[in-house]
Amino acid sequence: MGYRQVIVPTLFGLFFISSIALEAYAVELTTVVIPSANDAQAQFTGDRILTMTYDPDSSLSKNLTNIHENVNFKANMSTPGMPELISTVNQAILTGKQSPAQIKNATLDYNARIDGSPGQLKVSYLVRLKPLLEGVTLPSQNTTINIVDLDWRSFVVQQPLNLTVDGIGQINVNYPIGLFENKLPSIASEIKGSELEKVLMEPLFNFELIGQPLDTWHFLFDPTGSQAGMLGSGFEEIGGAKVVSIYSLGESSFREGTFTDIEQDATATIEGTNVNAHVFTSKPSAQIQIAGFAQVRSTPSGEFVTVTEDAPQGTSTATGGFPIQVLLVLGGMMAAVAVFVLLKARK
């Protein structure tokens, strides 16, 4: 199989538990790193829930009650607008993170739902970008140390990202208001100029909080690979690495700080009716698994990780009460994610 090892689960029960753990909170980033290849595959997830409330006896309520719309599709590089979407994300990575890492291929899953009932409209969004990045490897004179730079993990795209999908038409997958423009254009036009419009133009492709310094993440070092093996992950060493390093973000602690769900309120007047809106975004979380012993390094220009096959003698195996659910998530994640290396040259 060469330099790429596909993770294969062997314990279905643990995978099932892992799936439950994955659904418990929004995983904004999952990635697996093996410093023996020179590209990277990751999954970025953005989510949002909007609840609009208004007078249940209003004409607005009558017009929106019993509206039920599902917008679900998968996009790839042949989907109209997808190359432009990738180009925009690449520009955000380059200018926002000063990173040479660039996406050369990606898929996108878009899942949204609109449900109207008397006095309330609920809208949910879940967008997953699964990119394959290249240009992430830093050539090194030292053959015993690999460099993994993960600064690109926290990019933000401020621009609209439009795709044209069969049966749906053009839809902006980055701004929540894009769903209204596609399915409820008359409502979208009345939202314009209101507080609610500003909230609905805040991008789903915003992973800024994932950029929290890695030395504040939970760190688990498994010197034997037993944790991954115990979960039935099928982990095997590549390039001589027989150990696993895992960085986890999302559980509030003294080291990490306090993470809370992001909630916003806004108002608008639609069809002459006062509307109160509440927007909910899940707290950030992420997991990075690296084959080998990883150590965080920081420079004025960015942050990177040095990786060796073995840990220095006496190395602590974990920091900050490493959460057990991370190990559960690891088993489920490994069942679906192919192993690639994330290494980046810092210019």
Protein backbone atom coordinates (compact mmCIF):
# COMPACT_ATOMS: atom_id res chain seq x y z
CA MET A 1 0.00 0.00 0.00
CA GLY A 2 3.08 2.22 -0.02
CA TYR A 3 3.23 5.40 2.01
CA ARG A 4 -0.46 5.65 2.69
CA GLN A 5 -2.17 3.42 5.19
CA VAL A 6 -5.94 3.24 5.28
CA ILE A 7 -7.20 2.91 8.83
CA VAL A 8 -9.42 -0.17 9.24
CA PRO A 9 -11.58 -0.64 12.36
CA THR A 10 -11.70 -4.05 13.96
CA LEU A 11 -14.03 -3.47 16.90
CA PHE A 12 -17.52 -2.54 15.76
CA GLY A 13 -18.73 -1.87 19.28
CA LEU A 14 -16.14 0.80 19.91
CA PHE A 15 -16.84 2.34 16.54
CA PHE A 16 -20.53 2.57 17.48
CA ILE A 17 -19.68 4.30 20.76
CA SER A 18 -17.36 6.60 18.84
CA SER A 19 -20.16 7.55 16.50
CA ILE A 20 -22.27 8.60 19.49
CA ALA A 21 -19.36 10.66 20.81
CA LEU A 22 -18.98 12.35 17.44
CA GLU A 23 -22.61 13.41 17.49
CA ALA A 24 -22.33 14.89 20.97
CA TYR A 25 -20.60 18.03 19.71
CA ALA A 26 -19.54 19.52 16.42
CA VAL A 27 -16.09 18.38 15.38
CA GLU A 28 -14.75 21.33 13.42
CA LEU A 29 -11.48 19.63 12.44
CA THR A 30 -10.29 16.04 12.31
CA THR A 31 -7.03 15.03 10.72
CA VAL A 32 -4.44 12.26 10.84
CA VAL A 33 -0.75 12.96 10.28
CA ILE A 34 1.94 10.52 9.19
CA PRO A 35 5.20 12.38 8.53
CA SER A 36 6.30 10.09 5.70
CA ALA A 37 4.08 11.49 2.92
CA ASN A 38 3.91 15.02 1.58
CA ASP A 39 0.22 15.86 1.37
CA ALA A 40 -2.66 16.16 3.81
CA GLN A 41 -6.30 15.19 4.08
CA ALA A 42 -8.61 16.76 6.63
CA GLN A 43 -12.26 17.38 7.41
CA PHE A 44 -13.54 20.83 8.38
CA THR A 45 -17.07 21.07 9.75
CA GLY A 46 -19.18 24.20 10.16
CA ASP A 47 -22.59 24.17 11.83
CA ARG A 48 -25.28 26.70 12.73
CA ILE A 49 -28.87 26.63 14.06
CA LEU A 50 -31.20 29.58 13.54
CA THR A 51 -34.52 29.96 15.37
CA MET A 52 -36.87 32.77 14.33
CA THR A 53 -39.92 33.53 16.48
CA TYR A 54 -42.85 35.85 15.73
CA ASP A 55 -46.56 36.35 16.38
CA PRO A 56 -48.22 32.98 15.66
CA ASP A 57 -51.34 34.81 14.42
CA SER A 58 -49.46 36.97 11.92
CA SER A 59 -49.61 36.62 8.14
CA LEU A 60 -45.90 35.78 8.26
CA SER A 61 -46.63 32.81 10.48
CA LYS A 62 -49.39 31.63 8.16
CA ASN A 63 -47.05 31.86 5.16
CA LEU A 64 -44.21 29.99 6.85
CA THR A 65 -46.16 27.35 8.75
CA ASN A 66 -45.79 23.87 7.25
CA ILE A 67 -42.81 24.88 5.12
CA HIS A 68 -40.37 21.98 5.24
CA GLU A 69 -37.33 22.07 3.01
CA ASN A 70 -34.29 19.79 2.95
CA VAL A 71 -31.25 20.85 0.95
CA ASN A 72 -28.71 18.05 0.86
CA PHE A 73 -26.01 17.55 -1.75
CA LYS A 74 -22.44 16.47 -2.30
CA ALA A 75 -20.12 18.56 -4.44
CA ASN A 76 -16.82 17.65 -6.04
CA MET A 77 -14.37 19.33 -8.39
CA SER A 78 -16.73 18.86 -11.34
CA THR A 79 -19.55 20.76 -9.60
CA PRO A 80 -19.93 24.26 -11.13
CA GLY A 81 -18.37 26.75 -8.74
CA MET A 82 -16.26 24.22 -6.86
CA PRO A 83 -12.91 25.19 -8.48
CA GLU A 84 -13.64 28.83 -7.62
CA LEU A 85 -14.56 27.81 -4.06
CA ILE A 86 -11.23 26.01 -3.66
CA SER A 87 -9.35 28.96 -5.13
CA THR A 88 -10.99 31.28 -2.59
CA VAL A 89 -10.15 28.96 0.31
CA ASN A 90 -6.57 28.68 -0.92
CA GLN A 91 -6.29 32.45 -1.01
CA ALA A 92 -7.59 32.62 2.57
CA ILE A 93 -4.96 30.09 3.66
CA LEU A 94 -2.20 31.94 1.84
CA THR A 95 -3.03 35.49 2.90
CA GLY A 96 -4.61 34.81 6.28
CA LYS A 97 -2.17 32.16 7.53
CA GLN A 98 0.89 32.87 5.34
CA SER A 99 0.88 29.21 4.47
CA PRO A 100 2.06 27.59 1.22
CA ALA A 101 -0.29 24.66 1.83
CA GLN A 102 -2.91 24.61 -0.92
CA ILE A 103 -5.94 22.47 -1.66
CA LYS A 104 -5.65 20.55 -4.92
CA ASN A 105 -8.83 18.50 -4.58
CA ALA A 106 -11.84 18.51 -2.27
CA THR A 107 -15.40 17.38 -1.75
CA LEU A 108 -18.11 19.23 0.11
CA ASP A 109 -21.22 17.93 1.89
CA TYR A 110 -23.99 20.47 2.42
CA ASN A 111 -26.96 19.62 4.64
CA ALA A 112 -29.59 22.18 5.60
CA ARG A 113 -33.17 22.02 6.77
CA ILE A 114 -36.00 24.55 7.10
CA ASP A 115 -39.00 23.79 9.31
CA GLY A 116 -41.90 26.18 9.83
CA SER A 117 -44.53 25.93 12.56
CA PRO A 118 -46.95 28.47 14.06
CA GLY A 119 -44.86 31.33 15.43
CA GLN A 120 -41.49 29.75 14.65
CA LEU A 121 -39.08 28.97 11.81
CA LYS A 122 -36.10 26.76 12.57
CA VAL A 123 -33.18 26.46 10.15
CA SER A 124 -30.14 24.20 10.61
CA TYR A 125 -26.88 24.07 8.66
CA LEU A 126 -24.10 21.49 8.54
CA VAL A 127 -21.28 21.91 6.00
CA ARG A 128 -18.30 19.57 5.70
CA LEU A 129 -15.28 20.40 3.54
CA LYS A 130 -12.93 17.47 2.96
CA PRO A 131 -9.79 18.82 1.29
CA LEU A 132 -6.64 17.17 0.03
CA LEU A 133 -3.78 19.63 0.44
CA GLU A 134 -0.38 19.68 -1.23
CA GLY A 135 2.75 21.70 -0.60
CA VAL A 136 2.72 20.84 3.07
CA THR A 137 6.10 19.15 3.43
CA LEU A 138 9.20 20.96 4.62
CA PRO A 139 12.41 19.49 3.21
CA SER A 140 14.92 18.99 6.00
CA GLN A 141 18.61 18.24 6.30
CA ASN A 142 17.83 16.22 9.41
CA THR A 143 16.57 12.80 8.41
CA THR A 144 15.52 11.89 11.97
CA ILE A 145 13.16 14.81 12.52
CA ASN A 146 10.10 15.75 10.49
CA ILE A 147 8.37 19.10 10.69
CA VAL A 148 4.57 19.38 10.78
CA ASP A 149 3.20 22.91 10.62
CA LEU A 150 -0.52 23.14 11.32
CA ASP A 151 -1.15 26.89 11.11
CA TRP A 152 -3.45 26.42 8.10
CA ARG A 153 -5.96 24.65 10.36
CA SER A 154 -7.60 27.94 11.40
CA PHE A 155 -8.43 29.65 8.10
CA VAL A 156 -11.44 31.95 7.68
CA VAL A 157 -13.23 32.64 4.38
CA GLN A 158 -15.08 35.98 4.40
CA GLN A 159 -16.24 35.88 0.77
CA PRO A 160 -19.39 34.21 -0.59
CA LEU A 161 -18.88 30.68 -1.93
CA ASN A 162 -21.41 29.90 -4.65
CA LEU A 163 -22.11 26.48 -6.14
CA THR A 164 -24.58 25.54 -8.86
CA VAL A 165 -26.22 22.21 -8.08
CA ASP A 166 -28.60 20.16 -10.20
CA GLY A 167 -32.16 20.47 -8.91
CA ILE A 168 -31.20 23.25 -6.49
CA GLY A 169 -29.64 26.01 -8.57
CA GLN A 170 -27.08 28.47 -7.30
CA ILE A 171 -26.54 28.54 -3.55
CA ASN A 172 -24.07 30.34 -1.33
CA VAL A 173 -22.71 27.62 0.98
CA ASN A 174 -20.68 29.99 3.16
CA TYR A 175 -23.31 32.51 4.31
CA PRO A 176 -26.38 31.18 6.14
CA ILE A 177 -28.50 33.71 4.26
CA GLY A 178 -27.64 31.82 1.08
CA LEU A 179 -30.21 29.16 1.95
CA PHE A 180 -32.92 31.83 2.26
CA GLU A 181 -31.89 33.36 -1.06
CA ASN A 182 -32.28 29.94 -2.67
CA LYS A 183 -35.45 28.66 -0.97
CA LEU A 184 -37.20 31.73 0.48
CA PRO A 185 -36.06 34.66 -1.69
CA SER A 186 -38.89 36.98 -0.62
CA ILE A 187 -37.93 36.50 3.04
CA ALA A 188 -34.25 37.02 2.20
CA SER A 189 -35.04 40.34 0.51
CA GLU A 190 -36.89 41.60 3.61
CA ILE A 191 -34.05 40.52 5.91
CA LYS A 192 -31.65 42.82 4.04
CA GLY A 193 -30.56 45.85 6.02
CA SER A 194 -31.57 44.35 9.38
CA GLU A 195 -29.56 43.12 12.36
CA LEU A 196 -30.45 39.61 11.27
CA GLU A 197 -28.82 40.07 7.88
CA LYS A 198 -25.48 40.83 9.55
CA VAL A 199 -25.71 37.64 11.60
CA LEU A 200 -26.71 35.55 8.59
CA MET A 201 -23.70 36.81 6.63
CA GLU A 202 -21.20 35.51 9.18
CA PRO A 203 -19.33 32.69 7.42
CA LEU A 204 -19.75 29.01 8.13
CA PHE A 205 -16.15 28.59 6.92
CA ASN A 206 -14.72 30.17 10.06
CA PHE A 207 -12.19 28.02 11.92
CA GLU A 208 -10.40 30.84 13.72
CA LEU A 209 -10.86 29.30 17.17
CA ILE A 210 -9.06 26.14 16.02
CA GLY A 211 -5.94 28.33 15.86
CA GLN A 212 -5.57 28.35 19.63
CA PRO A 213 -1.90 27.59 20.42
CA LEU A 214 -1.20 23.87 20.38
CA ASP A 215 0.61 23.99 23.71
CA THR A 216 -2.78 24.66 25.34
CA TRP A 217 -4.44 21.63 23.71
CA HIS A 218 -4.77 18.35 25.54
CA PHE A 219 -1.86 16.13 24.54
CA LEU A 220 -1.76 12.34 24.72
CA PHE A 221 1.35 10.40 23.83
CA ASP A 222 0.91 6.66 23.46
CA PRO A 223 4.44 5.20 23.50
CA THR A 224 3.34 1.74 22.37
CA GLY A 225 0.34 2.43 20.13
CA SER A 226 -1.71 0.43 22.65
CA GLN A 227 -4.48 3.05 22.93
CA ALA A 228 -5.07 3.05 19.18
CA GLY A 229 -4.74 -0.73 19.10
CA MET A 230 -7.10 -1.14 22.03
CA LEU A 231 -9.72 0.83 20.10
CA GLY A 232 -9.40 -1.51 17.18
CA SER A 233 -8.19 1.32 14.95
CA GLY A 234 -5.89 -0.92 12.94
CA PHE A 235 -3.05 1.56 13.41
CA GLU A 236 0.23 0.41 11.89
CA GLU A 237 3.52 2.22 11.83
CA ILE A 238 4.71 3.87 8.62
CA GLY A 239 8.22 5.11 8.07
CA GLY A 240 9.37 3.47 11.30
CA ALA A 241 7.04 5.32 13.70
CA LYS A 242 5.47 2.96 16.22
CA VAL A 243 3.98 5.59 18.54
CA VAL A 244 1.02 7.97 18.44
CA SER A 245 0.63 11.61 19.48
CA ILE A 246 -2.88 13.05 19.77
CA TYR A 247 -3.81 16.71 20.22
CA SER A 248 -7.39 17.42 21.34
CA LEU A 249 -9.23 20.73 21.62
CA GLY A 250 -12.72 21.38 22.92
CA GLU A 251 -12.96 20.25 26.54
CA SER A 252 -12.87 23.26 28.85
CA SER A 253 -10.05 23.19 31.40
CA PHE A 254 -7.61 25.45 33.19
CA ARG A 255 -5.05 24.83 30.45
CA GLU A 256 -7.38 25.23 27.47
CA GLY A 257 -9.66 27.85 28.88
CA THR A 258 -13.44 27.77 28.88
CA PHE A 259 -15.25 26.86 25.68
CA THR A 260 -18.92 27.67 25.37
CA ASP A 261 -21.43 27.45 22.58
CA ILE A 262 -21.65 30.68 20.59
CA GLU A 263 -25.08 32.30 20.79
CA GLN A 264 -26.31 35.49 19.12
CA ASP A 265 -29.60 37.37 19.03
CA ALA A 266 -30.90 39.70 16.34
CA THR A 267 -34.13 41.25 15.14
CA ALA A 268 -35.81 42.03 11.83
CA THR A 269 -39.15 43.15 10.48
CA ILE A 270 -40.55 40.77 7.87
CA GLU A 271 -43.92 41.27 6.19
CA GLY A 272 -44.68 43.92 8.81
CA THR A 273 -44.10 41.47 11.67
CA ASN A 274 -41.43 41.81 14.35
CA VAL A 275 -39.08 38.82 14.30
CA ASN A 276 -36.69 37.76 17.04
CA ALA A 277 -33.87 35.48 15.94
CA HIS A 278 -31.50 33.31 17.95
CA VAL A 279 -28.40 31.81 16.35
CA PHE A 280 -26.54 28.90 17.92
CA THR A 281 -23.09 27.65 16.91
CA SER A 282 -21.47 24.68 18.66
CA LYS A 283 -18.30 25.30 20.65
CA PRO A 284 -15.05 24.55 18.79
CA SER A 285 -13.44 21.14 18.93
CA ALA A 286 -10.69 19.42 17.01
CA GLN A 287 -8.47 16.37 16.99
CA ILE A 288 -5.10 15.86 15.37
CA GLN A 289 -3.41 12.47 15.44
CA ILE A 290 0.25 12.20 14.52
CA ALA A 291 2.32 9.05 14.02
CA GLY A 292 5.44 9.61 16.09
CA PHE A 293 6.35 11.78 19.06
CA ALA A 294 5.33 15.38 18.44
CA GLN A 295 6.63 18.50 20.16
CA VAL A 296 5.22 22.00 19.64
CA ARG A 297 7.60 24.73 18.51
CA SER A 298 6.79 28.40 18.06
CA THR A 299 8.51 31.13 16.08
CA PRO A 300 7.56 34.77 15.42
CA SER A 301 6.18 33.67 12.02
CA GLY A 302 4.10 30.74 13.19
CA GLU A 303 3.76 27.44 15.01
CA PHE A 304 4.88 23.98 13.99
CA VAL A 305 5.44 20.52 15.40
CA THR A 306 8.64 18.49 15.26
CA VAL A 307 8.09 14.75 15.04
CA THR A 308 10.47 11.91 15.86
CA GLU A 309 9.92 8.17 15.77
CA ASP A 310 10.49 7.82 19.51
CA ALA A 311 10.04 10.03 22.55
CA PRO A 312 12.88 11.23 24.79
CA GLN A 313 13.29 9.08 27.86
CA GLY A 314 10.99 10.08 30.71
CA THR A 315 8.44 11.84 28.51
CA SER A 316 5.02 12.31 30.10
CA THR A 317 2.31 10.40 28.29
CA ALA A 318 -0.45 12.99 28.68
CA THR A 319 -1.30 16.52 29.80
CA GLY A 320 -4.27 18.01 31.58
CA GLY A 321 -6.40 14.94 32.25
CA PHE A 322 -6.71 13.88 28.63
CA PRO A 323 -10.44 13.29 27.98
CA ILE A 324 -11.44 9.67 27.43
CA GLN A 325 -14.01 10.67 24.80
CA VAL A 326 -11.11 11.65 22.56
CA LEU A 327 -10.06 8.03 22.46
CA LEU A 328 -13.63 7.08 21.54
CA VAL A 329 -13.71 9.68 18.81
CA LEU A 330 -10.36 8.40 17.60
CA GLY A 331 -11.79 4.97 16.92
CA GLY A 332 -14.70 6.35 14.89
CA MET A 333 -12.57 8.86 13.04
CA MET A 334 -10.04 6.25 12.06
CA ALA A 335 -12.77 4.17 10.52
CA ALA A 336 -13.41 6.83 7.90
CA VAL A 337 -10.25 8.86 7.42
CA ALA A 338 -7.32 7.77 5.26
CA VAL A 339 -3.91 8.46 6.74
CA PHE A 340 -1.91 11.26 5.19
CA VAL A 341 0.94 13.48 6.38
CA LEU A 342 0.47 17.12 7.22
CA LEU A 343 3.82 18.89 6.88
CA LYS A 344 4.24 22.48 5.82
CA ALA A 345 7.16 24.64 4.72
CA ARG A 346 7.16 27.96 6.52
CA LYS A 347 8.40 30.77 4.34
